[in-house]
């Protein structure tokens, strides 16, 4: 598994660690659980380093009726 970490000087260090064997499991649930546990372990090293927002789903399908969770809401003029 690879991830980047910001060091004390503000530079980034790319780190690689062996993946858990369970990530290669034939059972999708077991593999996904192992992958999520690995990501969680990296995030727990230093919560400030983890990217807590990921704007993957900003575009909603036409006609879905769903609003983007990342869209800024404008205040109504007074």
PDB file of N, CA and C in Angstrom:
ATOM      1  N   UNK A   1       0.851  -1.163   0.000  1.00  0.00           N
ATOM      2  CA  UNK A   1       0.000   0.000   0.000  1.00  0.00           C
ATOM      3  C   UNK A   1       0.900   1.229   0.000  1.00  0.00           C
ATOM      4  N   UNK A   2       0.549   2.220  -0.757  1.00  0.00           N
ATOM      5  CA  UNK A   2       1.331   3.436  -0.808  1.00  0.00           C
ATOM      6  C   UNK A   2       0.526   4.636  -0.372  1.00  0.00           C
ATOM      7  N   UNK A   3       1.203   5.578   0.240  1.00  0.00           N
ATOM      8  CA  UNK A   3       0.558   6.823   0.663  1.00  0.00           C
ATOM      9  C   UNK A   3       1.630   7.886   0.820  1.00  0.00           C
ATOM     10  N   UNK A   4       1.209   9.131   0.816  1.00  0.00           N
ATOM     11  CA  UNK A   4       2.124  10.254   0.982  1.00  0.00           C
ATOM     12  C   UNK A   4       1.864  10.901   2.332  1.00  0.00           C
ATOM     13  N   UNK A   5       2.938  11.341   2.946  1.00  0.00           N
ATOM     14  CA  UNK A   5       2.861  11.975   4.256  1.00  0.00           C
ATOM     15  C   UNK A   5       3.650  13.277   4.206  1.00  0.00           C
ATOM     16  N   UNK A   6       3.130  14.316   4.812  1.00  0.00           N
ATOM     17  CA  UNK A   6       3.855  15.579   4.871  1.00  0.00           C
ATOM     18  C   UNK A   6       4.780  15.538   6.079  1.00  0.00           C
ATOM     19  N   UNK A   7       6.049  15.883   5.871  1.00  0.00           N
ATOM     20  CA  UNK A   7       6.984  15.877   6.998  1.00  0.00           C
ATOM     21  C   UNK A   7       7.033  17.249   7.661  1.00  0.00           C
ATOM     22  N   UNK A   8       7.851  17.384   8.681  1.00  0.00           N
ATOM     23  CA  UNK A   8       7.925  18.627   9.467  1.00  0.00           C
ATOM     24  C   UNK A   8       8.361  19.825   8.628  1.00  0.00           C
ATOM     25  N   UNK A   9       9.100  19.585   7.544  1.00  0.00           N
ATOM     26  CA  UNK A   9       9.562  20.679   6.679  1.00  0.00           C
ATOM     27  C   UNK A   9       8.531  21.078   5.629  1.00  0.00           C
ATOM     28  N   UNK A  10       7.406  20.361   5.582  1.00  0.00           N
ATOM     29  CA  UNK A  10       6.378  20.664   4.594  1.00  0.00           C
ATOM     30  C   UNK A  10       6.547  19.897   3.300  1.00  0.00           C
ATOM     31  N   UNK A  11       7.584  19.083   3.217  1.00  0.00           N
ATOM     32  CA  UNK A  11       7.786  18.243   2.030  1.00  0.00           C
ATOM     33  C   UNK A  11       6.968  16.966   2.173  1.00  0.00           C
ATOM     34  N   UNK A  12       6.741  16.293   1.068  1.00  0.00           N
ATOM     35  CA  UNK A  12       6.005  15.035   1.106  1.00  0.00           C
ATOM     36  C   UNK A  12       6.962  13.859   1.004  1.00  0.00           C
ATOM     37  N   UNK A  13       6.673  12.838   1.763  1.00  0.00           N
ATOM     38  CA  UNK A  13       7.430  11.592   1.730  1.00  0.00           C
ATOM     39  C   UNK A  13       6.453  10.515   1.279  1.00  0.00           C
ATOM     40  N   UNK A  14       6.805   9.786   0.236  1.00  0.00           N
ATOM     41  CA  UNK A  14       5.952   8.703  -0.243  1.00  0.00           C
ATOM     42  C   UNK A  14       6.404   7.422   0.444  1.00  0.00           C
ATOM     43  N   UNK A  15       5.460   6.730   1.048  1.00  0.00           N
ATOM     44  CA  UNK A  15       5.766   5.505   1.791  1.00  0.00           C
ATOM     45  C   UNK A  15       5.012   4.326   1.171  1.00  0.00           C
ATOM     46  N   UNK A  16       5.666   3.193   1.208  1.00  0.00           N
ATOM     47  CA  UNK A  16       5.055   1.950   0.729  1.00  0.00           C
ATOM     48  C   UNK A  16       5.177   0.905   1.820  1.00  0.00           C
ATOM     49  N   UNK A  17       4.076   0.202   2.051  1.00  0.00           N
ATOM     50  CA  UNK A  17       4.047  -0.866   3.033  1.00  0.00           C
ATOM     51  C   UNK A  17       3.411  -2.086   2.390  1.00  0.00           C
ATOM     52  N   UNK A  18       3.790  -3.274   2.837  1.00  0.00           N
ATOM     53  CA  UNK A  18       3.157  -4.475   2.274  1.00  0.00           C
ATOM     54  C   UNK A  18       1.657  -4.483   2.567  1.00  0.00           C
ATOM     55  N   UNK A  19       0.883  -4.926   1.618  1.00  0.00           N
ATOM     56  CA  UNK A  19      -0.566  -5.026   1.809  1.00  0.00           C
ATOM     57  C   UNK A  19      -0.884  -6.267   2.637  1.00  0.00           C
ATOM     58  N   UNK A  20      -1.976  -6.194   3.377  1.00  0.00           N
ATOM     59  CA  UNK A  20      -2.426  -7.365   4.128  1.00  0.00           C
ATOM     60  C   UNK A  20      -2.781  -8.481   3.139  1.00  0.00           C
ATOM     61  N   UNK A  21      -2.503  -9.697   3.506  1.00  0.00           N
ATOM     62  CA  UNK A  21      -2.821 -10.834   2.630  1.00  0.00           C
ATOM     63  C   UNK A  21      -4.316 -10.911   2.331  1.00  0.00           C
ATOM     64  N   UNK A  22      -5.138 -10.496   3.284  1.00  0.00           N
ATOM     65  CA  UNK A  22      -6.596 -10.585   3.110  1.00  0.00           C
ATOM     66  C   UNK A  22      -7.112  -9.690   1.983  1.00  0.00           C
ATOM     67  N   UNK A  23      -6.325  -8.706   1.575  1.00  0.00           N
ATOM     68  CA  UNK A  23      -6.757  -7.835   0.472  1.00  0.00           C
ATOM     69  C   UNK A  23      -6.914  -8.633  -0.821  1.00  0.00           C
ATOM     70  N   UNK A  24      -6.165  -9.720  -0.946  1.00  0.00           N
ATOM     71  CA  UNK A  24      -6.238 -10.558  -2.143  1.00  0.00           C
ATOM     72  C   UNK A  24      -7.249 -11.701  -1.999  1.00  0.00           C
ATOM     73  N   UNK A  25      -8.061 -11.666  -0.951  1.00  0.00           N
ATOM     74  CA  UNK A  25      -9.037 -12.737  -0.717  1.00  0.00           C
ATOM     75  C   UNK A  25     -10.046 -12.820  -1.853  1.00  0.00           C
ATOM     76  N   UNK A  26     -10.512 -14.029  -2.125  1.00  0.00           N
ATOM     77  CA  UNK A  26     -11.562 -14.216  -3.135  1.00  0.00           C
ATOM     78  C   UNK A  26     -12.896 -13.652  -2.653  1.00  0.00           C
ATOM     79  N   UNK A  27     -13.080 -13.606  -1.349  1.00  0.00           N
ATOM     80  CA  UNK A  27     -14.295 -13.058  -0.758  1.00  0.00           C
ATOM     81  C   UNK A  27     -14.226 -11.533  -0.824  1.00  0.00           C
ATOM     82  N   UNK A  28     -15.128 -10.925  -1.580  1.00  0.00           N
ATOM     83  CA  UNK A  28     -15.104  -9.472  -1.784  1.00  0.00           C
ATOM     84  C   UNK A  28     -15.266  -8.722  -0.467  1.00  0.00           C
ATOM     85  N   UNK A  29     -16.125  -9.212   0.405  1.00  0.00           N
ATOM     86  CA  UNK A  29     -16.340  -8.535   1.686  1.00  0.00           C
ATOM     87  C   UNK A  29     -15.063  -8.578   2.520  1.00  0.00           C
ATOM     88  N   UNK A  30     -14.397  -9.728   2.578  1.00  0.00           N
ATOM     89  CA  UNK A  30     -13.152  -9.851   3.350  1.00  0.00           C
ATOM     90  C   UNK A  30     -12.064  -8.956   2.763  1.00  0.00           C
ATOM     91  N   UNK A  31     -11.962  -8.918   1.438  1.00  0.00           N
ATOM     92  CA  UNK A  31     -10.937  -8.098   0.786  1.00  0.00           C
ATOM     93  C   UNK A  31     -11.198  -6.610   1.028  1.00  0.00           C
ATOM     94  N   UNK A  32     -12.450  -6.200   0.904  1.00  0.00           N
ATOM     95  CA  UNK A  32     -12.802  -4.798   1.122  1.00  0.00           C
ATOM     96  C   UNK A  32     -12.599  -4.401   2.581  1.00  0.00           C
ATOM     97  N   UNK A  33     -12.950  -5.274   3.495  1.00  0.00           N
ATOM     98  CA  UNK A  33     -12.754  -5.009   4.920  1.00  0.00           C
ATOM     99  C   UNK A  33     -11.280  -4.832   5.232  1.00  0.00           C
ATOM    100  N   UNK A  34     -10.429  -5.676   4.642  1.00  0.00           N
ATOM    101  CA  UNK A  34      -8.984  -5.568   4.852  1.00  0.00           C
ATOM    102  C   UNK A  34      -8.441  -4.266   4.266  1.00  0.00           C
ATOM    103  N   UNK A  35      -8.923  -3.895   3.082  1.00  0.00           N
ATOM    104  CA  UNK A  35      -8.463  -2.658   2.461  1.00  0.00           C
ATOM    105  C   UNK A  35      -8.869  -1.449   3.308  1.00  0.00           C
ATOM    106  N   UNK A  36     -10.115  -1.439   3.783  1.00  0.00           N
ATOM    107  CA  UNK A  36     -10.573  -0.332   4.617  1.00  0.00           C
ATOM    108  C   UNK A  36      -9.792  -0.269   5.928  1.00  0.00           C
ATOM    109  N   UNK A  37      -9.451  -1.419   6.496  1.00  0.00           N
ATOM    110  CA  UNK A  37      -8.658  -1.448   7.731  1.00  0.00           C
ATOM    111  C   UNK A  37      -7.269  -0.873   7.489  1.00  0.00           C
ATOM    112  N   UNK A  38      -6.690  -1.152   6.321  1.00  0.00           N
ATOM    113  CA  UNK A  38      -5.372  -0.611   5.999  1.00  0.00           C
ATOM    114  C   UNK A  38      -5.420   0.907   5.841  1.00  0.00           C
ATOM    115  N   UNK A  39      -6.443   1.409   5.172  1.00  0.00           N
ATOM    116  CA  UNK A  39      -6.603   2.864   5.019  1.00  0.00           C
ATOM    117  C   UNK A  39      -6.823   3.502   6.385  1.00  0.00           C
ATOM    118  N   UNK A  40      -7.638   2.884   7.213  1.00  0.00           N
ATOM    119  CA  UNK A  40      -7.895   3.410   8.551  1.00  0.00           C
ATOM    120  C   UNK A  40      -6.614   3.455   9.389  1.00  0.00           C
ATOM    121  N   UNK A  41      -5.781   2.428   9.267  1.00  0.00           N
ATOM    122  CA  UNK A  41      -4.523   2.399  10.021  1.00  0.00           C
ATOM    123  C   UNK A  41      -3.624   3.563   9.629  1.00  0.00           C
ATOM    124  N   UNK A  42      -3.585   3.884   8.347  1.00  0.00           N
ATOM    125  CA  UNK A  42      -2.777   5.026   7.889  1.00  0.00           C
ATOM    126  C   UNK A  42      -3.374   6.326   8.437  1.00  0.00           C
ATOM    127  N   UNK A  43      -4.696   6.461   8.371  1.00  0.00           N
ATOM    128  CA  UNK A  43      -5.341   7.686   8.868  1.00  0.00           C
ATOM    129  C   UNK A  43      -5.117   7.859  10.361  1.00  0.00           C
ATOM    130  N   UNK A  44      -5.113   6.772  11.096  1.00  0.00           N
ATOM    131  CA  UNK A  44      -4.926   6.858  12.550  1.00  0.00           C
ATOM    132  C   UNK A  44      -3.504   7.247  12.951  1.00  0.00           C
ATOM    133  N   UNK A  45      -2.558   7.114  12.045  1.00  0.00           N
ATOM    134  CA  UNK A  45      -1.185   7.529  12.359  1.00  0.00           C
ATOM    135  C   UNK A  45      -1.141   9.005  12.716  1.00  0.00           C
ATOM    136  N   UNK A  46      -1.893   9.801  11.953  1.00  0.00           N
ATOM    137  CA  UNK A  46      -1.971  11.240  12.211  1.00  0.00           C
ATOM    138  C   UNK A  46      -3.204  11.758  11.482  1.00  0.00           C
ATOM    139  N   UNK A  47      -4.267  12.025  12.235  1.00  0.00           N
ATOM    140  CA  UNK A  47      -5.531  12.445  11.633  1.00  0.00           C
ATOM    141  C   UNK A  47      -5.389  13.688  10.766  1.00  0.00           C
ATOM    142  N   UNK A  48      -4.446  14.554  11.088  1.00  0.00           N
ATOM    143  CA  UNK A  48      -4.275  15.788  10.311  1.00  0.00           C
ATOM    144  C   UNK A  48      -3.762  15.501   8.906  1.00  0.00           C
ATOM    145  N   UNK A  49      -3.165  14.350   8.697  1.00  0.00           N
ATOM    146  CA  UNK A  49      -2.597  14.003   7.394  1.00  0.00           C
ATOM    147  C   UNK A  49      -3.642  13.436   6.427  1.00  0.00           C
ATOM    148  N   UNK A  50      -4.760  12.976   6.951  1.00  0.00           N
ATOM    149  CA  UNK A  50      -5.745  12.301   6.105  1.00  0.00           C
ATOM    150  C   UNK A  50      -6.600  13.314   5.359  1.00  0.00           C
ATOM    151  N   UNK A  51      -6.868  13.037   4.094  1.00  0.00           N
ATOM    152  CA  UNK A  51      -7.738  13.913   3.292  1.00  0.00           C
ATOM    153  C   UNK A  51      -9.178  13.528   3.590  1.00  0.00           C
ATOM    154  N   UNK A  52      -9.842  14.298   4.419  1.00  0.00           N
ATOM    155  CA  UNK A  52     -11.179  13.945   4.891  1.00  0.00           C
ATOM    156  C   UNK A  52     -12.268  14.210   3.875  1.00  0.00           C
ATOM    157  N   UNK A  53     -12.012  15.001   2.873  1.00  0.00           N
ATOM    158  CA  UNK A  53     -13.022  15.237   1.842  1.00  0.00           C
ATOM    159  C   UNK A  53     -12.513  14.702   0.523  1.00  0.00           C
ATOM    160  N   UNK A  54     -13.398  14.122  -0.198  1.00  0.00           N
ATOM    161  CA  UNK A  54     -13.061  13.572  -1.511  1.00  0.00           C
ATOM    162  C   UNK A  54     -14.253  13.833  -2.400  1.00  0.00           C
ATOM    163  N   UNK A  55     -14.107  14.708  -3.360  1.00  0.00           N
ATOM    164  CA  UNK A  55     -15.238  15.177  -4.163  1.00  0.00           C
ATOM    165  C   UNK A  55     -15.496  14.266  -5.373  1.00  0.00           C
ATOM    166  N   UNK A  56     -15.613  12.991  -5.104  1.00  0.00           N
ATOM    167  CA  UNK A  56     -15.836  12.040  -6.184  1.00  0.00           C
ATOM    168  C   UNK A  56     -17.247  12.124  -6.749  1.00  0.00           C
ATOM    169  N   UNK A  57     -18.201  12.374  -5.895  1.00  0.00           N
ATOM    170  CA  UNK A  57     -19.592  12.306  -6.317  1.00  0.00           C
ATOM    171  C   UNK A  57     -20.224  13.689  -6.405  1.00  0.00           C
ATOM    172  N   UNK A  58     -19.505  14.648  -6.957  1.00  0.00           N
ATOM    173  CA  UNK A  58     -20.034  16.005  -7.021  1.00  0.00           C
ATOM    174  C   UNK A  58     -21.072  16.178  -8.129  1.00  0.00           C
ATOM    175  N   UNK A  59     -20.982  15.363  -9.149  1.00  0.00           N
ATOM    176  CA  UNK A  59     -21.928  15.483 -10.257  1.00  0.00           C
ATOM    177  C   UNK A  59     -23.000  14.417 -10.078  1.00  0.00           C
ATOM    178  N   UNK A  60     -24.238  14.855  -9.973  1.00  0.00           N
ATOM    179  CA  UNK A  60     -25.362  13.948  -9.788  1.00  0.00           C
ATOM    180  C   UNK A  60     -25.974  13.617 -11.138  1.00  0.00           C
ATOM    181  N   UNK A  61     -26.531  12.428 -11.274  1.00  0.00           N
ATOM    182  CA  UNK A  61     -27.176  12.080 -12.541  1.00  0.00           C
ATOM    183  C   UNK A  61     -28.338  13.018 -12.829  1.00  0.00           C
ATOM    184  N   UNK A  62     -28.538  13.376 -14.100  1.00  0.00           N
ATOM    185  CA  UNK A  62     -29.656  14.260 -14.449  1.00  0.00           C
ATOM    186  C   UNK A  62     -30.983  13.666 -13.976  1.00  0.00           C
ATOM    187  N   UNK A  63     -31.796  14.503 -13.361  1.00  0.00           N
ATOM    188  CA  UNK A  63     -33.102  14.072 -12.915  1.00  0.00           C
ATOM    189  C   UNK A  63     -33.106  13.279 -11.617  1.00  0.00           C
ATOM    190  N   UNK A  64     -31.945  13.157 -10.957  1.00  0.00           N
ATOM    191  CA  UNK A  64     -31.894  12.362  -9.720  1.00  0.00           C
ATOM    192  C   UNK A  64     -32.565  13.081  -8.550  1.00  0.00           C
ATOM    193  N   UNK A  65     -32.649  14.416  -8.642  1.00  0.00           N
ATOM    194  CA  UNK A  65     -33.240  15.181  -7.558  1.00  0.00           C
ATOM    195  C   UNK A  65     -32.294  15.387  -6.390  1.00  0.00           C
ATOM    196  N   UNK A  66     -31.080  14.869  -6.500  1.00  0.00           N
ATOM    197  CA  UNK A  66     -30.097  15.013  -5.427  1.00  0.00           C
ATOM    198  C   UNK A  66     -29.238  16.242  -5.668  1.00  0.00           C
ATOM    199  N   UNK A  67     -28.929  16.939  -4.580  1.00  0.00           N
ATOM    200  CA  UNK A  67     -28.042  18.094  -4.684  1.00  0.00           C
ATOM    201  C   UNK A  67     -26.616  17.652  -4.398  1.00  0.00           C
ATOM    202  N   UNK A  68     -25.670  18.377  -4.936  1.00  0.00           N
ATOM    203  CA  UNK A  68     -24.272  18.099  -4.650  1.00  0.00           C
ATOM    204  C   UNK A  68     -23.975  18.451  -3.199  1.00  0.00           C
ATOM    205  N   UNK A  69     -23.351  17.542  -2.439  1.00  0.00           N
ATOM    206  CA  UNK A  69     -23.032  17.865  -1.046  1.00  0.00           C
ATOM    207  C   UNK A  69     -21.909  18.895  -0.934  1.00  0.00           C
ATOM    208  N   UNK A  70     -21.240  19.189  -2.042  1.00  0.00           N
ATOM    209  CA  UNK A  70     -20.110  20.107  -2.022  1.00  0.00           C
ATOM    210  C   UNK A  70     -20.445  21.483  -2.562  1.00  0.00           C
ATOM    211  N   UNK A  71     -21.648  21.636  -3.096  1.00  0.00           N
ATOM    212  CA  UNK A  71     -22.040  22.919  -3.669  1.00  0.00           C
ATOM    213  C   UNK A  71     -22.283  23.926  -2.554  1.00  0.00           C
ATOM    214  N   UNK A  72     -21.717  25.091  -2.714  1.00  0.00           N
ATOM    215  CA  UNK A  72     -21.934  26.140  -1.712  1.00  0.00           C
ATOM    216  C   UNK A  72     -23.328  26.694  -1.862  1.00  0.00           C
ATOM    217  N   UNK A  73     -23.957  26.830  -0.753  1.00  0.00           N
ATOM    218  CA  UNK A  73     -25.292  27.419  -0.763  1.00  0.00           C
ATOM    219  C   UNK A  73     -25.149  28.926  -0.624  1.00  0.00           C
ATOM    220  N   UNK A  74     -25.800  29.634  -1.506  1.00  0.00           N
ATOM    221  CA  UNK A  74     -25.732  31.093  -1.463  1.00  0.00           C
ATOM    222  C   UNK A  74     -26.807  31.619  -0.525  1.00  0.00           C
ATOM    223  N   UNK A  75     -26.427  32.593   0.230  1.00  0.00           N
ATOM    224  CA  UNK A  75     -27.407  33.228   1.105  1.00  0.00           C
ATOM    225  C   UNK A  75     -28.340  34.105   0.286  1.00  0.00           C
ATOM    226  N   UNK A  76     -29.568  34.118   0.699  1.00  0.00           N
ATOM    227  CA  UNK A  76     -30.528  34.980   0.024  1.00  0.00           C
ATOM    228  C   UNK A  76     -30.271  36.412   0.412  1.00  0.00           C
ATOM    229  N   UNK A  77     -30.356  37.340  -0.534  1.00  0.00           N
ATOM    230  CA  UNK A  77     -30.154  38.749  -0.190  1.00  0.00           C
ATOM    231  C   UNK A  77     -31.233  39.205   0.771  1.00  0.00           C
ATOM    232  N   UNK A  78     -30.870  40.101   1.647  1.00  0.00           N
ATOM    233  CA  UNK A  78     -31.833  40.615   2.651  1.00  0.00           C
ATOM    234  C   UNK A  78     -32.680  41.706   2.075  1.00  0.00           C
TER     235      UNK A  78
END
